[in-house]
Amino acid sequence: MKFAIPALIIIAVLLVCAGAWLYTPDRPRAALEAKYLANPADYRLVAGIRLHLRDTGPSGAPAIILLHGFGSSLQTWDPWADTLSATYRVIRYDLPGFGLTGPDPTGDYSDARAMAILLAVMDQLGLKRATLIGNSMGGKLAWQFAATHPDRVDKLVLISPDGFASPGFEYGRKPDVPWMLKLLPYTLPRGMFRASLLPAYGDPTHLTDATLARYYDNMLAPGDRAAMIARMSQVLLQDPIPLLAKIQAPTLLVWGEKDGMIPFTNSADYLRAIPHATLVALPGLGHVPFEEAPAVSLLPVRHFLAEPSAPG
């Protein structure tokens, strides 16, 4: 027994050292703003939250709103936005709990709150109507908004949208957030984070060091990781089919055939449920085709945007 106390001390020291090694603090906001805030005017107070929002292109042109996915930021759209801004007014923002927008002071990350913020963005920018382009979680927001506010949406582009139940999720029941994920606000080893991103790319080599650094920096924005856990704990999936059936806007589904996040096979569910939907399959690409192959993935979207909408 004389070795019990020293052994406990050694174990305690090892645990403290491991915790110190794994501990990943937030990045200072000033450092992130120096890197990712193009203009101080890009901060806008909307619906009680300070959004990091970019508004580019001709002010009188048809408007497009780009909505990113979970763990991402408005920079994910850079290649598409640069091209589209020559012809369209392009609006994109860090959704609450992500990037420089940071946590929602209300603590509400429900779908209803997300749609209220999107509606407030359109109202504040004077947009009676807009085309919505959304990826993953942003795709779910886009189609929900199109279904509930059909008078505000011209066209709809859904890139690997979320919405149907996946393993670990059930309709009408909030998920149990795994305890390991609850450690996210305290630790985020870069290697593990990189491994979690790789399934989003059809070709893993398309995840560049610069892209990884951007995702990692934005994950470490003050308060964002705790907000992500809060968002996950508030997810309450409902059967999407009744709502999808209400969509009136012409809809383009864009899906990478090698999507490792939301499988390509889910596209068939959306085609059956949305009245006016067509599908563009992208061979060899994954969950974020606008990052992997911007020119290739944007081409069918530009054709779709240029098509005249059917009357009514």
Protein backbone atom coordinates (compact mmCIF):
# COMPACT_ATOMS: atom_id res chain seq x y z
CA MET A 1 0.00 0.00 0.00
CA LYS A 2 2.96 2.34 0.47
CA PHE A 3 3.05 2.88 -3.31
CA ALA A 4 -0.69 3.70 -3.63
CA ILE A 5 -0.44 7.45 -2.99
CA PRO A 6 2.58 8.04 -5.28
CA ALA A 7 0.83 6.01 -7.99
CA LEU A 8 -2.30 8.16 -7.68
CA ILE A 9 -0.17 11.28 -7.86
CA ILE A 10 1.53 10.01 -11.03
CA ILE A 11 -1.85 9.21 -12.60
CA ALA A 12 -3.17 12.63 -11.62
CA VAL A 13 -0.13 14.36 -13.11
CA LEU A 14 -0.48 12.35 -16.33
CA LEU A 15 -4.16 13.28 -16.59
CA VAL A 16 -3.37 16.96 -16.05
CA CYS A 17 -0.60 16.82 -18.66
CA ALA A 18 -2.88 15.07 -21.14
CA GLY A 19 -5.60 17.64 -20.51
CA ALA A 20 -3.17 20.50 -20.99
CA TRP A 21 -1.87 18.92 -24.23
CA LEU A 22 -5.36 18.37 -25.63
CA TYR A 23 -6.85 21.65 -24.45
CA THR A 24 -7.69 23.90 -27.41
CA PRO A 25 -8.65 27.45 -26.43
CA ASP A 26 -10.69 29.84 -28.56
CA ARG A 27 -8.81 32.08 -30.95
CA PRO A 28 -8.85 35.80 -30.10
CA ARG A 29 -11.63 37.53 -32.01
CA ALA A 30 -9.29 40.31 -33.12
CA ALA A 31 -6.97 37.80 -34.78
CA LEU A 32 -9.86 36.13 -36.60
CA GLU A 33 -11.27 39.47 -37.72
CA ALA A 34 -7.89 40.50 -39.10
CA LYS A 35 -7.95 37.37 -41.24
CA TYR A 36 -11.62 36.95 -42.19
CA LEU A 37 -13.44 40.28 -41.78
CA ALA A 38 -13.22 42.07 -45.14
CA ASN A 39 -14.91 45.24 -43.89
CA PRO A 40 -16.19 46.34 -40.47
CA ALA A 41 -19.46 47.24 -42.23
CA ASP A 42 -19.96 43.50 -42.83
CA TYR A 43 -21.28 43.28 -39.29
CA ARG A 44 -25.04 43.92 -39.26
CA LEU A 45 -27.48 43.81 -36.37
CA VAL A 46 -30.35 41.61 -37.55
CA ALA A 47 -33.11 40.15 -35.38
CA GLY A 48 -31.09 40.84 -32.24
CA ILE A 49 -27.88 39.17 -33.42
CA ARG A 50 -24.78 40.66 -34.99
CA LEU A 51 -24.37 38.82 -38.28
CA HIS A 52 -21.17 38.63 -40.29
CA LEU A 53 -22.67 39.27 -43.73
CA ARG A 54 -21.29 40.07 -47.18
CA ASP A 55 -23.36 41.78 -49.84
CA THR A 56 -21.66 41.96 -53.26
CA GLY A 57 -22.62 42.52 -56.87
CA PRO A 58 -24.95 45.08 -58.46
CA SER A 59 -27.51 46.31 -55.91
CA GLY A 60 -30.34 46.26 -58.45
CA ALA A 61 -29.61 42.80 -59.81
CA PRO A 62 -31.61 39.66 -58.95
CA ALA A 63 -30.62 38.52 -55.47
CA ILE A 64 -29.06 35.23 -54.44
CA ILE A 65 -28.63 34.20 -50.81
CA LEU A 66 -25.99 31.54 -50.07
CA LEU A 67 -26.45 29.44 -46.91
CA HIS A 68 -23.54 27.31 -45.67
CA GLY A 69 -23.50 24.00 -43.83
CA PHE A 70 -22.70 22.91 -40.28
CA GLY A 71 -19.25 23.94 -39.05
CA SER A 72 -18.65 26.14 -42.07
CA SER A 73 -18.69 29.88 -42.82
CA LEU A 74 -19.47 32.31 -45.59
CA GLN A 75 -15.96 31.89 -47.05
CA THR A 76 -16.92 28.42 -48.26
CA TRP A 77 -18.75 30.19 -51.11
CA ASP A 78 -15.83 32.40 -52.22
CA PRO A 79 -15.29 30.84 -55.68
CA TRP A 80 -19.01 30.83 -56.56
CA ALA A 81 -19.64 34.28 -55.07
CA ASP A 82 -16.77 35.83 -57.05
CA THR A 83 -18.31 34.60 -60.31
CA LEU A 84 -21.98 35.15 -59.50
CA SER A 85 -21.38 38.70 -58.25
CA ALA A 86 -20.69 39.83 -61.81
CA THR A 87 -24.36 39.26 -62.66
CA TYR A 88 -26.29 38.91 -59.41
CA ARG A 89 -26.52 40.55 -56.02
CA VAL A 90 -24.96 37.89 -53.79
CA ILE A 91 -25.63 37.80 -50.04
CA ARG A 92 -24.02 35.32 -47.68
CA TYR A 93 -23.60 35.27 -43.94
CA ASP A 94 -22.16 33.20 -41.13
CA LEU A 95 -25.16 31.43 -39.67
CA PRO A 96 -25.61 31.94 -35.90
CA GLY A 97 -23.12 29.87 -33.92
CA PHE A 98 -20.57 29.80 -36.74
CA GLY A 99 -17.70 31.94 -37.96
CA LEU A 100 -17.55 35.57 -36.93
CA THR A 101 -21.28 35.79 -36.24
CA GLY A 102 -20.77 33.78 -33.09
CA PRO A 103 -23.40 32.54 -30.65
CA ASP A 104 -26.99 33.70 -30.82
CA PRO A 105 -27.63 35.69 -27.61
CA THR A 106 -31.08 34.12 -27.39
CA GLY A 107 -29.56 30.64 -27.22
CA ASP A 108 -32.22 29.54 -29.71
CA TYR A 109 -30.89 27.44 -32.62
CA SER A 110 -34.24 26.07 -33.77
CA ASP A 111 -35.33 25.98 -37.40
CA ALA A 112 -37.97 28.61 -36.62
CA ARG A 113 -35.32 30.99 -35.32
CA ALA A 114 -33.11 30.40 -38.37
CA MET A 115 -36.00 31.18 -40.72
CA ALA A 116 -36.91 34.31 -38.75
CA ILE A 117 -33.32 35.56 -39.10
CA LEU A 118 -33.30 34.84 -42.85
CA LEU A 119 -36.58 36.71 -43.26
CA ALA A 120 -35.17 39.64 -41.25
CA VAL A 121 -32.05 39.68 -43.46
CA MET A 122 -34.22 39.96 -46.58
CA ASP A 123 -36.37 42.68 -45.04
CA GLN A 124 -33.39 44.70 -43.85
CA LEU A 125 -31.72 44.48 -47.27
CA GLY A 126 -34.94 45.40 -49.05
CA LEU A 127 -35.30 42.08 -50.85
CA LYS A 128 -38.88 41.18 -51.70
CA ARG A 129 -37.69 37.96 -53.34
CA ALA A 130 -34.45 36.05 -53.75
CA THR A 131 -33.04 32.79 -55.01
CA LEU A 132 -31.80 30.58 -52.17
CA ILE A 133 -28.77 28.32 -52.53
CA GLY A 134 -28.05 26.13 -49.53
CA ASN A 135 -25.68 23.31 -48.66
CA SER A 136 -26.35 20.60 -46.07
CA MET A 137 -27.77 22.34 -42.98
CA GLY A 138 -28.07 25.52 -45.06
CA GLY A 139 -29.94 23.48 -47.65
CA LYS A 140 -32.46 22.43 -45.04
CA LEU A 141 -32.94 26.06 -44.04
CA ALA A 142 -33.38 26.99 -47.70
CA TRP A 143 -36.08 24.41 -48.48
CA GLN A 144 -37.93 25.04 -45.21
CA PHE A 145 -38.00 28.76 -45.97
CA ALA A 146 -39.14 28.14 -49.55
CA ALA A 147 -41.99 25.95 -48.26
CA THR A 148 -43.17 28.39 -45.60
CA HIS A 149 -42.50 31.67 -47.48
CA PRO A 150 -43.17 30.81 -51.13
CA ASP A 151 -43.85 34.45 -51.99
CA ARG A 152 -40.24 35.37 -51.08
CA VAL A 153 -38.37 32.73 -53.12
CA ASP A 154 -37.69 32.86 -56.87
CA LYS A 155 -35.65 29.68 -57.30
CA LEU A 156 -34.11 27.08 -55.03
CA VAL A 157 -30.75 25.30 -55.34
CA LEU A 158 -30.16 22.53 -52.83
CA ILE A 159 -26.67 21.07 -52.56
CA SER A 160 -26.71 17.80 -50.58
CA PRO A 161 -29.43 19.18 -48.29
CA ASP A 162 -30.14 17.90 -44.81
CA GLY A 163 -33.64 17.02 -43.64
CA PHE A 164 -34.31 13.29 -43.73
CA ALA A 165 -33.51 11.25 -40.64
CA SER A 166 -30.09 9.59 -40.56
CA PRO A 167 -28.65 6.99 -38.15
CA GLY A 168 -28.82 8.33 -34.60
CA PHE A 169 -31.71 10.68 -35.37
CA GLU A 170 -35.43 10.05 -35.16
CA TYR A 171 -38.38 12.18 -36.21
CA GLY A 172 -39.97 14.01 -33.30
CA ARG A 173 -37.21 13.20 -30.83
CA LYS A 174 -34.25 15.31 -29.82
CA PRO A 175 -30.96 13.42 -30.13
CA ASP A 176 -28.66 12.54 -27.26
CA VAL A 177 -25.40 14.38 -27.89
CA PRO A 178 -22.53 11.90 -27.25
CA TRP A 179 -20.41 12.79 -24.26
CA MET A 180 -17.29 12.95 -26.40
CA LEU A 181 -18.87 15.67 -28.54
CA LYS A 182 -19.61 17.62 -25.38
CA LEU A 183 -15.83 17.95 -24.97
CA LEU A 184 -15.69 19.98 -28.19
CA PRO A 185 -15.60 23.37 -26.43
CA TYR A 186 -12.44 22.30 -24.61
CA THR A 187 -10.44 20.26 -27.07
CA LEU A 188 -10.14 20.06 -30.85
CA PRO A 189 -6.98 18.24 -31.98
CA ARG A 190 -6.17 19.41 -35.48
CA GLY A 191 -5.49 15.89 -36.79
CA MET A 192 -8.83 14.59 -35.56
CA PHE A 193 -10.58 17.62 -36.99
CA ARG A 194 -9.00 17.04 -40.38
CA ALA A 195 -10.12 13.41 -40.31
CA SER A 196 -13.69 14.52 -39.61
CA LEU A 197 -13.66 16.78 -42.69
CA LEU A 198 -12.26 14.28 -45.19
CA PRO A 199 -15.58 12.47 -45.87
CA ALA A 200 -16.91 15.76 -47.27
CA TYR A 201 -14.56 15.48 -50.25
CA GLY A 202 -14.84 13.02 -53.11
CA ASP A 203 -11.08 13.30 -53.49
CA PRO A 204 -9.35 13.78 -50.10
CA THR A 205 -6.51 15.69 -51.77
CA HIS A 206 -9.00 18.49 -52.46
CA LEU A 207 -8.92 19.36 -48.75
CA THR A 208 -6.02 21.79 -48.95
CA ASP A 209 -4.01 23.12 -46.02
CA ALA A 210 -5.52 26.56 -46.60
CA THR A 211 -9.08 25.21 -46.53
CA LEU A 212 -8.37 23.17 -43.41
CA ALA A 213 -6.89 26.24 -41.71
CA ARG A 214 -10.01 28.26 -42.54
CA TYR A 215 -12.37 25.64 -41.13
CA TYR A 216 -10.22 25.19 -38.05
CA ASP A 217 -9.93 28.93 -37.37
CA ASN A 218 -13.67 29.42 -37.65
CA MET A 219 -14.35 26.47 -35.35
CA LEU A 220 -12.24 28.24 -32.73
CA ALA A 221 -14.11 31.54 -32.91
CA PRO A 222 -15.15 32.59 -29.39
CA GLY A 223 -18.19 30.68 -28.18
CA ASP A 224 -18.84 28.86 -31.45
CA ARG A 225 -18.09 25.35 -30.24
CA ALA A 226 -20.46 25.63 -27.29
CA ALA A 227 -23.08 27.04 -29.68
CA MET A 228 -22.64 24.03 -31.96
CA ILE A 229 -23.30 21.67 -29.06
CA ALA A 230 -26.39 23.71 -28.15
CA ARG A 231 -27.58 23.52 -31.77
CA MET A 232 -27.11 19.74 -31.90
CA SER A 233 -29.03 19.29 -28.66
CA GLN A 234 -31.95 21.34 -30.04
CA VAL A 235 -32.35 19.43 -33.31
CA LEU A 236 -35.90 18.17 -33.64
CA LEU A 237 -36.43 16.49 -37.00
CA GLN A 238 -39.90 16.24 -38.44
CA ASP A 239 -40.94 14.14 -41.41
CA PRO A 240 -39.92 16.51 -44.23
CA ILE A 241 -42.22 15.15 -46.95
CA PRO A 242 -45.35 17.21 -46.12
CA LEU A 243 -43.32 20.43 -46.08
CA LEU A 244 -41.28 19.59 -49.18
CA ALA A 245 -44.53 19.06 -51.07
CA LYS A 246 -45.43 22.72 -50.46
CA ILE A 247 -42.40 24.09 -52.32
CA GLN A 248 -43.51 26.11 -55.34
CA ALA A 249 -40.15 27.43 -56.54
CA PRO A 250 -38.32 25.68 -59.38
CA THR A 251 -35.73 23.55 -57.60
CA LEU A 252 -32.33 22.24 -58.66
CA LEU A 253 -30.73 19.46 -56.64
CA VAL A 254 -26.94 19.32 -56.91
CA TRP A 255 -25.31 16.24 -55.40
CA GLY A 256 -21.81 14.81 -55.45
CA GLU A 257 -21.94 11.10 -56.15
CA LYS A 258 -19.13 10.50 -53.66
CA ASP A 259 -20.71 12.47 -50.82
CA GLY A 260 -19.57 10.86 -47.57
CA MET A 261 -21.70 13.09 -45.34
CA ILE A 262 -25.20 12.83 -46.83
CA PRO A 263 -25.32 10.00 -49.36
CA PHE A 264 -26.19 10.60 -52.99
CA THR A 265 -29.03 8.10 -52.70
CA ASN A 266 -30.94 10.65 -50.59
CA SER A 267 -31.44 12.69 -53.75
CA ALA A 268 -34.18 10.28 -54.83
CA ASP A 269 -36.18 11.15 -51.70
CA TYR A 270 -36.11 14.83 -52.60
CA LEU A 271 -36.99 14.22 -56.24
CA ARG A 272 -40.09 12.31 -55.15
CA ALA A 273 -41.14 14.91 -52.58
CA ILE A 274 -40.52 18.27 -54.32
CA PRO A 275 -43.01 19.08 -57.09
CA HIS A 276 -40.69 20.93 -59.49
CA ALA A 277 -37.24 19.47 -58.87
CA THR A 278 -34.48 18.29 -61.17
CA LEU A 279 -31.19 16.64 -60.25
CA VAL A 280 -27.63 17.28 -61.36
CA ALA A 281 -25.30 14.46 -60.28
CA LEU A 282 -21.61 15.30 -59.98
CA PRO A 283 -19.39 12.24 -60.51
CA GLY A 284 -16.30 12.09 -58.34
CA LEU A 285 -17.31 14.98 -56.11
CA GLY A 286 -18.44 15.03 -52.49
CA HIS A 287 -20.45 17.12 -50.05
CA VAL A 288 -18.94 20.52 -50.92
CA PRO A 289 -18.61 20.57 -54.74
CA PHE A 290 -18.38 24.37 -54.72
CA GLU A 291 -15.04 23.95 -52.92
CA GLU A 292 -13.80 20.83 -54.73
CA ALA A 293 -14.57 21.86 -58.30
CA PRO A 294 -16.05 25.37 -58.33
CA ALA A 295 -16.23 25.86 -62.10
CA VAL A 296 -17.63 22.39 -62.85
CA SER A 297 -20.26 22.51 -60.11
CA LEU A 298 -21.33 26.10 -60.82
CA LEU A 299 -21.97 25.54 -64.53
CA PRO A 300 -25.33 23.73 -64.18
CA VAL A 301 -26.36 26.19 -61.47
CA ARG A 302 -25.73 29.16 -63.77
CA HIS A 303 -27.77 27.50 -66.52
CA PHE A 304 -30.59 26.93 -64.03
CA LEU A 305 -30.49 30.53 -62.80
CA ALA A 306 -30.62 31.85 -66.36
CA GLU A 307 -33.73 29.86 -67.25
CA PRO A 308 -36.96 31.88 -67.19
CA SER A 309 -39.27 30.90 -64.37
CA ALA A 310 -42.64 29.49 -65.28
CA PRO A 311 -45.53 31.95 -64.78
CA GLY A 312 -47.12 31.83 -61.33
